[in-house]
């Protein structure tokens, strides 16, 4: 009489299938660990490395009768190296290098005589057709900075005060008196080295800007036809923009 072993093997096969199913099910549920990105805090950040300004230019402390006509515009641009002075980086010093263009429409006229010497006069506007003066300079600014910035935000209040030393490498005045046009380039009577103080203050992008020249545009010996000294200085008012 033969004994059937089929049920025994069927049970083994069933248990093996259940084991394999539970193994693969458990394996499929094991997800790989997620790697969280590491956010680095820039505790050594710097602010306001590039600048650009646009200004309205005025002449002050000039001879009697000095007036300006039209809109005398100027602009400057450059790079500043921000050097924080405290741990919170709210105080800093920033030396830099830049370029400026200044344009003036006014009634201080410069003409030449037959022997090539220069004549300076303060004339009424009905005595000439047009008169302008412009100059180009390389600037060396240095700023003393306060701001309430943090590494998390680029929007903050700032007050920056500084000094600017400029070398005028090109200048030109053009006078049209109705009969003759006088074009004078790089007038030797101009002060090639100019310097002044400025301040810039504001929030985020918009900052008011003011610059006052501490030395005159022309050298001390320059006088008008009636004997007045031409020791006028510059006052530039406008907007300053800073870029990281």
Protein backbone atom coordinates (compact mmCIF):
# COMPACT_ATOMS: atom_id res chain seq x y z
CA UNK A 1 0.00 0.00 0.00
CA UNK A 2 1.50 3.34 -1.08
CA UNK A 3 1.31 6.51 1.04
CA UNK A 4 0.87 9.87 -0.83
CA UNK A 5 3.34 12.65 0.15
CA UNK A 6 1.78 15.29 -2.04
CA UNK A 7 -0.02 17.26 0.78
CA UNK A 8 3.21 17.52 2.71
CA UNK A 9 5.10 19.01 -0.20
CA UNK A 10 2.20 21.32 -1.02
CA UNK A 11 2.34 22.82 2.46
CA UNK A 12 6.07 23.41 2.18
CA UNK A 13 5.63 25.11 -1.16
CA UNK A 14 2.88 27.32 0.28
CA UNK A 15 4.99 28.40 3.25
CA UNK A 16 7.95 29.16 0.96
CA UNK A 17 5.79 31.41 -1.23
CA UNK A 18 4.42 33.28 1.78
CA UNK A 19 7.96 33.82 3.09
CA UNK A 20 9.22 35.16 -0.22
CA UNK A 21 6.23 37.48 -0.61
CA UNK A 22 6.70 38.93 2.89
CA UNK A 23 10.46 39.33 2.27
CA UNK A 24 10.09 41.26 -0.98
CA UNK A 25 7.24 43.33 0.44
CA UNK A 26 9.33 44.32 3.41
CA UNK A 27 12.33 45.04 1.17
CA UNK A 28 10.28 47.24 -1.14
CA UNK A 29 9.10 49.38 1.81
CA UNK A 30 12.63 50.24 2.92
CA UNK A 31 13.25 53.64 1.28
CA UNK A 32 16.77 55.06 1.08
CA UNK A 33 17.44 57.82 3.62
CA UNK A 34 16.88 61.35 2.31
CA UNK A 35 19.93 63.57 2.26
CA UNK A 36 19.09 67.03 3.52
CA UNK A 37 21.00 69.84 1.81
CA UNK A 38 23.40 71.67 4.07
CA UNK A 39 22.67 75.39 4.08
CA UNK A 40 25.82 77.37 4.71
CA UNK A 41 25.49 80.68 6.50
CA UNK A 42 27.70 83.31 4.95
CA UNK A 43 28.89 85.01 8.12
CA UNK A 44 31.65 86.73 6.14
CA UNK A 45 29.43 88.54 3.63
CA UNK A 46 30.30 91.91 2.13
CA UNK A 47 27.97 94.66 0.96
CA UNK A 48 27.68 97.20 -1.85
CA UNK A 49 30.72 96.52 -4.00
CA UNK A 50 29.72 98.50 -7.13
CA UNK A 51 28.15 101.97 -7.29
CA UNK A 52 26.52 104.30 -9.79
CA UNK A 53 25.36 107.88 -9.21
CA UNK A 54 23.51 110.50 -11.21
CA UNK A 55 23.55 114.11 -10.02
CA UNK A 56 22.50 117.68 -10.66
CA UNK A 57 25.65 119.83 -10.59
CA UNK A 58 25.81 123.30 -9.05
CA UNK A 59 28.56 125.88 -8.69
CA UNK A 60 28.77 127.68 -5.34
CA UNK A 61 30.92 130.45 -3.89
CA UNK A 62 31.51 131.84 -7.36
CA UNK A 63 32.00 135.43 -8.54
CA UNK A 64 29.15 137.91 -8.22
CA UNK A 65 26.54 137.34 -10.90
CA UNK A 66 27.40 133.68 -11.51
CA UNK A 67 24.31 131.79 -12.68
CA UNK A 68 23.54 128.44 -14.23
CA UNK A 69 21.32 127.62 -17.17
CA UNK A 70 19.70 124.36 -18.29
CA UNK A 71 20.24 121.06 -16.47
CA UNK A 72 23.86 120.43 -15.53
CA UNK A 73 24.12 116.66 -15.15
CA UNK A 74 26.84 114.36 -13.94
CA UNK A 75 27.37 110.70 -13.27
CA UNK A 76 29.95 108.47 -11.65
CA UNK A 77 30.56 104.75 -11.42
CA UNK A 78 33.12 102.48 -9.83
CA UNK A 79 34.06 99.69 -7.44
CA UNK A 80 34.39 99.77 -3.65
CA UNK A 81 36.06 97.10 -1.52
CA UNK A 82 33.85 96.56 1.53
CA UNK A 83 35.90 95.82 4.68
CA UNK A 84 33.70 95.13 7.75
CA UNK A 85 35.03 96.39 11.08
CA UNK A 86 32.88 94.52 13.64
CA UNK A 87 31.51 91.00 14.13
CA UNK A 88 27.96 91.93 13.10
CA UNK A 89 29.42 93.60 10.00
CA UNK A 90 27.26 96.69 10.50
CA UNK A 91 30.28 99.01 10.42
CA UNK A 92 32.75 98.99 7.56
CA UNK A 93 35.28 100.98 5.59
CA UNK A 94 35.37 100.87 1.79
CA UNK A 95 38.18 102.23 -0.41
CA UNK A 96 37.56 102.20 -4.13
CA UNK A 97 38.28 103.30 -7.67
CA UNK A 98 35.90 105.06 -10.04
CA UNK A 99 35.21 107.39 -12.94
CA UNK A 100 33.21 110.64 -13.10
CA UNK A 101 31.76 112.88 -15.78
CA UNK A 102 30.61 116.38 -14.80
CA UNK A 103 28.84 118.90 -17.03
CA UNK A 104 28.05 122.56 -16.25
CA UNK A 105 25.99 125.14 -18.11
CA UNK A 106 26.80 128.57 -16.62
CA UNK A 107 27.72 132.14 -17.46
CA UNK A 108 31.40 132.10 -16.45
CA UNK A 109 32.95 132.49 -19.91
CA UNK A 110 36.49 131.59 -20.92
CA UNK A 111 37.94 133.08 -24.10
CA UNK A 112 41.43 133.66 -25.48
CA UNK A 113 43.38 136.71 -26.58
CA UNK A 114 45.63 137.05 -29.61
CA UNK A 115 48.68 136.01 -27.58
CA UNK A 116 46.89 132.89 -26.28
CA UNK A 117 46.19 134.00 -22.70
CA UNK A 118 42.80 133.29 -21.13
CA UNK A 119 40.11 135.85 -20.31
CA UNK A 120 37.47 135.09 -17.68
CA UNK A 121 34.22 136.97 -17.38
CA UNK A 122 30.77 136.71 -15.85
CA UNK A 123 28.41 137.67 -18.66
CA UNK A 124 24.66 138.03 -19.04
CA UNK A 125 23.00 135.30 -21.03
CA UNK A 126 22.02 137.76 -23.75
CA UNK A 127 25.72 138.40 -24.40
CA UNK A 128 26.48 134.92 -25.78
CA UNK A 129 24.71 132.07 -27.56
CA UNK A 130 25.90 129.12 -25.50
CA UNK A 131 28.49 128.29 -22.87
CA UNK A 132 29.34 124.98 -21.21
CA UNK A 133 32.10 123.28 -19.29
CA UNK A 134 32.69 119.57 -18.77
CA UNK A 135 35.38 117.45 -17.16
CA UNK A 136 36.34 113.79 -16.79
CA UNK A 137 38.15 112.39 -13.78
CA UNK A 138 39.48 109.24 -12.15
CA UNK A 139 38.22 109.00 -8.56
CA UNK A 140 39.61 107.46 -5.39
CA UNK A 141 36.72 107.35 -2.90
CA UNK A 142 36.90 106.03 0.65
CA UNK A 143 33.70 105.46 2.65
CA UNK A 144 32.94 105.00 6.32
CA UNK A 145 29.82 102.84 6.46
CA UNK A 146 26.96 102.00 8.78
CA UNK A 147 24.11 99.65 7.80
CA UNK A 148 21.70 97.32 9.60
CA UNK A 149 22.18 94.50 7.09
CA UNK A 150 22.23 90.75 7.79
CA UNK A 151 23.32 87.74 5.76
CA UNK A 152 19.64 86.86 5.23
CA UNK A 153 18.47 90.10 3.62
CA UNK A 154 19.74 92.48 0.96
CA UNK A 155 17.25 95.19 1.95
CA UNK A 156 18.49 97.45 4.73
CA UNK A 157 19.06 101.03 5.84
CA UNK A 158 22.46 102.60 5.23
CA UNK A 159 24.38 105.80 5.94
CA UNK A 160 27.70 106.06 4.11
CA UNK A 161 29.96 109.11 4.48
CA UNK A 162 33.25 109.55 2.71
CA UNK A 163 35.93 111.53 0.93
CA UNK A 164 36.70 111.48 -2.77
CA UNK A 165 40.01 112.42 -4.38
CA UNK A 166 39.83 113.05 -8.12
CA UNK A 167 42.34 113.53 -10.89
CA UNK A 168 40.93 115.46 -13.85
CA UNK A 169 42.50 113.88 -16.94
CA UNK A 170 40.38 115.75 -19.51
CA UNK A 171 38.36 118.97 -19.54
CA UNK A 172 36.80 121.20 -22.16
CA UNK A 173 34.96 124.52 -22.21
CA UNK A 174 33.01 125.76 -25.25
CA UNK A 175 31.87 129.37 -25.62
CA UNK A 176 29.90 130.64 -28.59
CA UNK A 177 29.56 134.43 -28.34
CA UNK A 178 27.69 134.75 -31.64
CA UNK A 179 30.79 135.65 -33.62
CA UNK A 180 33.48 133.25 -32.46
CA UNK A 181 33.44 129.81 -30.88
CA UNK A 182 36.18 129.30 -28.27
CA UNK A 183 37.06 125.67 -27.55
CA UNK A 184 39.56 125.28 -24.74
CA UNK A 185 40.82 121.80 -23.88
CA UNK A 186 42.63 120.90 -20.66
CA UNK A 187 42.86 124.46 -19.39
CA UNK A 188 46.07 124.70 -17.30
CA UNK A 189 44.30 127.10 -14.91
CA UNK A 190 42.09 124.24 -13.68
CA UNK A 191 42.99 122.28 -10.56
CA UNK A 192 43.87 118.83 -11.86
CA UNK A 193 43.57 117.37 -8.36
CA UNK A 194 40.20 117.92 -6.70
CA UNK A 195 38.78 116.55 -3.48
CA UNK A 196 35.59 116.75 -1.46
CA UNK A 197 33.30 115.14 1.08
CA UNK A 198 30.10 113.27 0.38
CA UNK A 199 27.28 111.38 2.07
CA UNK A 200 24.88 108.73 0.81
CA UNK A 201 21.87 107.50 2.79
CA UNK A 202 18.76 105.49 2.08
CA UNK A 203 17.01 102.13 2.06
CA UNK A 204 17.50 99.25 -0.34
CA UNK A 205 18.00 100.55 -3.90
CA UNK A 206 17.22 104.25 -3.43
CA UNK A 207 19.79 106.49 -1.75
CA UNK A 208 20.10 110.26 -1.72
CA UNK A 209 23.58 111.54 -2.44
CA UNK A 210 25.40 114.85 -1.87
CA UNK A 211 28.99 115.84 -2.68
CA UNK A 212 30.71 119.12 -1.80
CA UNK A 213 34.07 120.10 -3.30
CA UNK A 214 36.54 121.29 -0.67
CA UNK A 215 38.91 122.94 -3.12
CA UNK A 216 38.00 125.27 -6.02
CA UNK A 217 37.78 124.23 -9.66
CA UNK A 218 40.27 126.88 -10.73
CA UNK A 219 43.64 127.82 -9.26
CA UNK A 220 43.88 130.70 -6.81
CA UNK A 221 45.41 133.21 -9.22
CA UNK A 222 42.50 133.04 -11.70
CA UNK A 223 40.43 136.26 -11.74
CA UNK A 224 37.66 137.71 -13.86
CA UNK A 225 38.01 140.87 -15.95
CA UNK A 226 36.77 142.98 -13.04
CA UNK A 227 39.30 141.49 -10.62
CA UNK A 228 37.13 138.95 -8.74
CA UNK A 229 38.67 135.62 -7.79
CA UNK A 230 37.23 132.54 -9.48
CA UNK A 231 37.27 130.24 -6.46
CA UNK A 232 33.94 128.52 -7.06
CA UNK A 233 33.34 125.00 -5.77
CA UNK A 234 31.05 122.19 -6.81
CA UNK A 235 27.91 120.91 -5.10
CA UNK A 236 26.41 117.74 -6.59
CA UNK A 237 23.00 116.44 -5.48
CA UNK A 238 21.36 113.28 -6.74
CA UNK A 239 20.86 109.56 -6.32
CA UNK A 240 23.31 106.78 -5.55
CA UNK A 241 22.75 103.12 -6.43
CA UNK A 242 24.76 100.26 -4.92
CA UNK A 243 25.13 96.76 -6.36
CA UNK A 244 26.67 93.71 -4.70
